[in-house]
Amino acid sequence: MSKKKSYMKNNNIIKEGFFDNLLRIFRVFPQLKNNKNIKKDIQSLNRKVASLEKMMNDEMKTYGSNKKIKLTKFKLKDFIKGV
């Protein structure tokens, strides 16, 4: 079977993603980067990511794997261009 070439750009594959929508909002409204509630929610998101990471590592231990899963934490500059 021959391989087909994909002419879709990588940017268009995840065009309707959650974080792309957030980035688009912050580009239109740059004053949101100074909002304390947004910063607090990003910290909350990072706590949830840490909790998920811990849960996944505990589950991996039950399967007998020694591999650790490390998820990256989010920063405000991940969502706002030019910070």
N, C-alpha and C. Protein backbone atom coordinates (compact mmCIF):
# COMPACT_ATOMS: atom_id res chain seq x y z
N MET A 1 0.84 -1.17 0.00
CA MET A 1 0.00 0.00 0.00
C MET A 1 0.90 1.25 0.00
N SER A 2 0.63 2.18 -0.85
CA SER A 2 1.45 3.37 -0.95
C SER A 2 1.05 4.38 0.13
N LYS A 3 2.05 5.14 0.53
CA LYS A 3 1.80 6.16 1.54
C LYS A 3 1.28 7.41 0.85
N LYS A 4 0.23 7.98 1.42
CA LYS A 4 -0.30 9.23 0.87
C LYS A 4 0.39 10.40 1.55
N LYS A 5 0.64 11.42 0.79
CA LYS A 5 1.21 12.63 1.36
C LYS A 5 0.07 13.48 1.92
N SER A 6 0.33 14.02 3.08
CA SER A 6 -0.66 14.89 3.70
C SER A 6 -0.27 16.34 3.39
N TYR A 7 -1.19 17.08 2.85
CA TYR A 7 -0.92 18.46 2.51
C TYR A 7 -1.49 19.41 3.55
N MET A 8 -1.97 18.86 4.66
CA MET A 8 -2.50 19.71 5.73
C MET A 8 -1.34 20.20 6.58
N LYS A 9 -1.35 21.47 6.88
CA LYS A 9 -0.31 22.04 7.71
C LYS A 9 -0.54 21.64 9.16
N ASN A 10 0.55 21.55 9.92
CA ASN A 10 0.43 21.18 11.33
C ASN A 10 -0.38 22.21 12.12
N ASN A 11 -0.35 23.46 11.71
CA ASN A 11 -1.11 24.50 12.41
C ASN A 11 -2.60 24.28 12.27
N ASN A 12 -3.03 23.69 11.18
CA ASN A 12 -4.46 23.49 10.95
C ASN A 12 -5.00 22.23 11.61
N ILE A 13 -4.14 21.32 12.00
CA ILE A 13 -4.60 20.07 12.59
C ILE A 13 -5.31 20.34 13.92
N ILE A 14 -4.73 21.19 14.76
CA ILE A 14 -5.31 21.48 16.06
C ILE A 14 -5.87 22.91 16.04
N LYS A 15 -6.54 23.27 15.00
CA LYS A 15 -7.02 24.63 14.82
C LYS A 15 -8.09 25.01 15.83
N GLU A 16 -8.92 24.07 16.22
CA GLU A 16 -10.03 24.38 17.09
C GLU A 16 -9.78 23.93 18.53
N GLY A 17 -8.52 23.90 18.94
CA GLY A 17 -8.17 23.45 20.28
C GLY A 17 -8.50 24.48 21.35
N PHE A 18 -8.58 24.02 22.57
CA PHE A 18 -8.91 24.86 23.71
C PHE A 18 -7.89 25.97 23.91
N PHE A 19 -6.60 25.61 23.89
CA PHE A 19 -5.56 26.59 24.16
C PHE A 19 -5.40 27.58 23.01
N ASP A 20 -5.70 27.18 21.81
CA ASP A 20 -5.68 28.12 20.69
C ASP A 20 -6.75 29.19 20.87
N ASN A 21 -7.91 28.77 21.36
CA ASN A 21 -8.98 29.74 21.61
C ASN A 21 -8.59 30.71 22.72
N LEU A 22 -7.94 30.21 23.77
CA LEU A 22 -7.48 31.09 24.83
C LEU A 22 -6.46 32.09 24.31
N LEU A 23 -5.54 31.61 23.51
CA LEU A 23 -4.51 32.48 22.96
C LEU A 23 -5.13 33.56 22.09
N ARG A 24 -6.13 33.20 21.30
CA ARG A 24 -6.82 34.16 20.45
C ARG A 24 -7.52 35.23 21.29
N ILE A 25 -8.13 34.83 22.40
CA ILE A 25 -8.81 35.79 23.28
C ILE A 25 -7.81 36.77 23.89
N PHE A 26 -6.66 36.25 24.35
CA PHE A 26 -5.67 37.12 24.97
C PHE A 26 -5.01 38.06 23.96
N ARG A 27 -4.95 37.66 22.73
CA ARG A 27 -4.40 38.57 21.71
C ARG A 27 -5.35 39.72 21.44
N VAL A 28 -6.65 39.46 21.48
CA VAL A 28 -7.63 40.50 21.23
C VAL A 28 -7.77 41.42 22.43
N PHE A 29 -7.68 40.87 23.65
CA PHE A 29 -7.84 41.64 24.87
C PHE A 29 -6.58 41.53 25.73
N PRO A 30 -5.50 42.27 25.39
CA PRO A 30 -4.24 42.12 26.13
C PRO A 30 -4.31 42.60 27.58
N GLN A 31 -5.31 43.40 27.93
CA GLN A 31 -5.42 43.88 29.31
C GLN A 31 -5.77 42.75 30.27
N LEU A 32 -6.18 41.60 29.76
CA LEU A 32 -6.51 40.46 30.61
C LEU A 32 -5.29 39.88 31.32
N LYS A 33 -4.08 40.17 30.79
CA LYS A 33 -2.89 39.61 31.41
C LYS A 33 -2.62 40.18 32.80
N ASN A 34 -3.23 41.30 33.14
CA ASN A 34 -3.04 41.90 34.47
C ASN A 34 -4.14 41.49 35.45
N ASN A 35 -5.06 40.67 35.03
CA ASN A 35 -6.16 40.25 35.87
C ASN A 35 -5.68 39.21 36.89
N LYS A 36 -5.90 39.49 38.18
CA LYS A 36 -5.46 38.60 39.25
C LYS A 36 -6.22 37.28 39.23
N ASN A 37 -7.50 37.32 38.84
CA ASN A 37 -8.28 36.08 38.80
C ASN A 37 -7.74 35.12 37.76
N ILE A 38 -7.27 35.64 36.64
CA ILE A 38 -6.71 34.78 35.60
C ILE A 38 -5.42 34.14 36.09
N LYS A 39 -4.59 34.93 36.76
CA LYS A 39 -3.35 34.38 37.30
C LYS A 39 -3.64 33.31 38.35
N LYS A 40 -4.65 33.54 39.17
CA LYS A 40 -5.04 32.58 40.20
C LYS A 40 -5.57 31.29 39.55
N ASP A 41 -6.33 31.44 38.47
CA ASP A 41 -6.86 30.26 37.79
C ASP A 41 -5.77 29.46 37.10
N ILE A 42 -4.73 30.12 36.61
CA ILE A 42 -3.60 29.41 36.02
C ILE A 42 -2.87 28.61 37.09
N GLN A 43 -2.75 29.19 38.30
CA GLN A 43 -2.15 28.45 39.40
C GLN A 43 -3.01 27.24 39.76
N SER A 44 -4.31 27.43 39.74
CA SER A 44 -5.23 26.32 40.01
C SER A 44 -5.08 25.23 38.94
N LEU A 45 -4.95 25.64 37.69
CA LEU A 45 -4.74 24.69 36.60
C LEU A 45 -3.45 23.90 36.82
N ASN A 46 -2.40 24.57 37.29
CA ASN A 46 -1.14 23.89 37.56
C ASN A 46 -1.27 22.90 38.71
N ARG A 47 -2.06 23.23 39.72
CA ARG A 47 -2.30 22.29 40.81
C ARG A 47 -3.04 21.05 40.30
N LYS A 48 -4.00 21.26 39.41
CA LYS A 48 -4.72 20.13 38.82
C LYS A 48 -3.79 19.26 37.98
N VAL A 49 -2.89 19.90 37.25
CA VAL A 49 -1.92 19.16 36.44
C VAL A 49 -1.01 18.34 37.35
N ALA A 50 -0.57 18.92 38.47
CA ALA A 50 0.27 18.20 39.41
C ALA A 50 -0.48 17.02 40.03
N SER A 51 -1.75 17.22 40.33
CA SER A 51 -2.58 16.15 40.87
C SER A 51 -2.74 15.03 39.85
N LEU A 52 -2.98 15.38 38.61
CA LEU A 52 -3.11 14.38 37.53
C LEU A 52 -1.80 13.62 37.36
N GLU A 53 -0.69 14.34 37.41
CA GLU A 53 0.62 13.71 37.27
C GLU A 53 0.86 12.70 38.39
N LYS A 54 0.52 13.07 39.63
CA LYS A 54 0.69 12.17 40.76
C LYS A 54 -0.19 10.94 40.62
N MET A 55 -1.44 11.15 40.20
CA MET A 55 -2.37 10.04 40.03
C MET A 55 -1.87 9.08 38.94
N MET A 56 -1.35 9.62 37.86
CA MET A 56 -0.85 8.78 36.77
C MET A 56 0.39 8.00 37.20
N ASN A 57 1.27 8.64 37.98
CA ASN A 57 2.47 7.95 38.45
C ASN A 57 2.11 6.84 39.43
N ASP A 58 1.13 7.08 40.30
CA ASP A 58 0.67 6.04 41.22
C ASP A 58 0.07 4.86 40.46
N GLU A 59 -0.68 5.16 39.42
CA GLU A 59 -1.28 4.10 38.61
C GLU A 59 -0.20 3.30 37.87
N MET A 60 0.84 3.98 37.41
CA MET A 60 1.93 3.30 36.72
C MET A 60 2.66 2.35 37.67
N LYS A 61 2.76 2.73 38.96
CA LYS A 61 3.40 1.86 39.95
C LYS A 61 2.61 0.57 40.13
N THR A 62 1.28 0.67 40.08
CA THR A 62 0.46 -0.53 40.24
C THR A 62 0.65 -1.51 39.08
N TYR A 63 1.03 -0.99 37.93
CA TYR A 63 1.31 -1.85 36.77
C TYR A 63 2.73 -2.38 36.78
N GLY A 64 3.53 -1.94 37.75
CA GLY A 64 4.90 -2.44 37.87
C GLY A 64 5.91 -1.66 37.06
N SER A 65 5.54 -0.50 36.57
CA SER A 65 6.45 0.31 35.76
C SER A 65 7.20 1.29 36.65
N ASN A 66 8.48 1.50 36.37
CA ASN A 66 9.28 2.46 37.13
C ASN A 66 9.37 3.80 36.42
N LYS A 67 8.73 3.93 35.27
CA LYS A 67 8.78 5.19 34.53
C LYS A 67 7.95 6.25 35.24
N LYS A 68 8.45 7.46 35.26
CA LYS A 68 7.75 8.60 35.84
C LYS A 68 7.20 9.47 34.71
N ILE A 69 6.00 9.91 34.88
CA ILE A 69 5.38 10.82 33.92
C ILE A 69 5.57 12.23 34.44
N LYS A 70 6.10 13.10 33.61
CA LYS A 70 6.34 14.49 33.99
C LYS A 70 5.56 15.39 33.04
N LEU A 71 4.58 16.10 33.56
CA LEU A 71 3.79 17.04 32.77
C LEU A 71 4.30 18.45 33.01
N THR A 72 4.29 19.27 31.98
CA THR A 72 4.79 20.64 32.13
C THR A 72 3.70 21.53 32.73
N LYS A 73 4.15 22.49 33.50
CA LYS A 73 3.23 23.44 34.10
C LYS A 73 3.04 24.63 33.16
N PHE A 74 1.90 25.27 33.28
CA PHE A 74 1.57 26.39 32.42
C PHE A 74 2.03 27.70 33.05
N LYS A 75 2.37 28.64 32.20
CA LYS A 75 2.73 29.99 32.61
C LYS A 75 1.82 30.95 31.86
N LEU A 76 1.74 32.15 32.34
CA LEU A 76 0.90 33.16 31.69
C LEU A 76 1.36 33.41 30.26
N LYS A 77 2.67 33.34 30.03
CA LYS A 77 3.17 33.61 28.67
C LYS A 77 2.82 32.49 27.69
N ASP A 78 2.36 31.34 28.20
CA ASP A 78 1.88 30.29 27.31
C ASP A 78 0.59 30.70 26.62
N PHE A 79 -0.15 31.60 27.23
CA PHE A 79 -1.45 32.02 26.70
C PHE A 79 -1.43 33.42 26.10
N ILE A 80 -0.45 34.23 26.48
CA ILE A 80 -0.41 35.62 26.03
C ILE A 80 0.86 35.85 25.24
N LYS A 81 0.71 36.38 24.06
CA LYS A 81 1.86 36.67 23.21
C LYS A 81 2.52 37.97 23.69
N GLY A 82 3.83 37.94 23.84
CA GLY A 82 4.58 39.15 24.18
C GLY A 82 4.72 39.42 25.65
N VAL A 83 4.48 38.44 26.52
CA VAL A 83 4.64 38.66 27.96
C VAL A 83 6.03 38.26 28.36
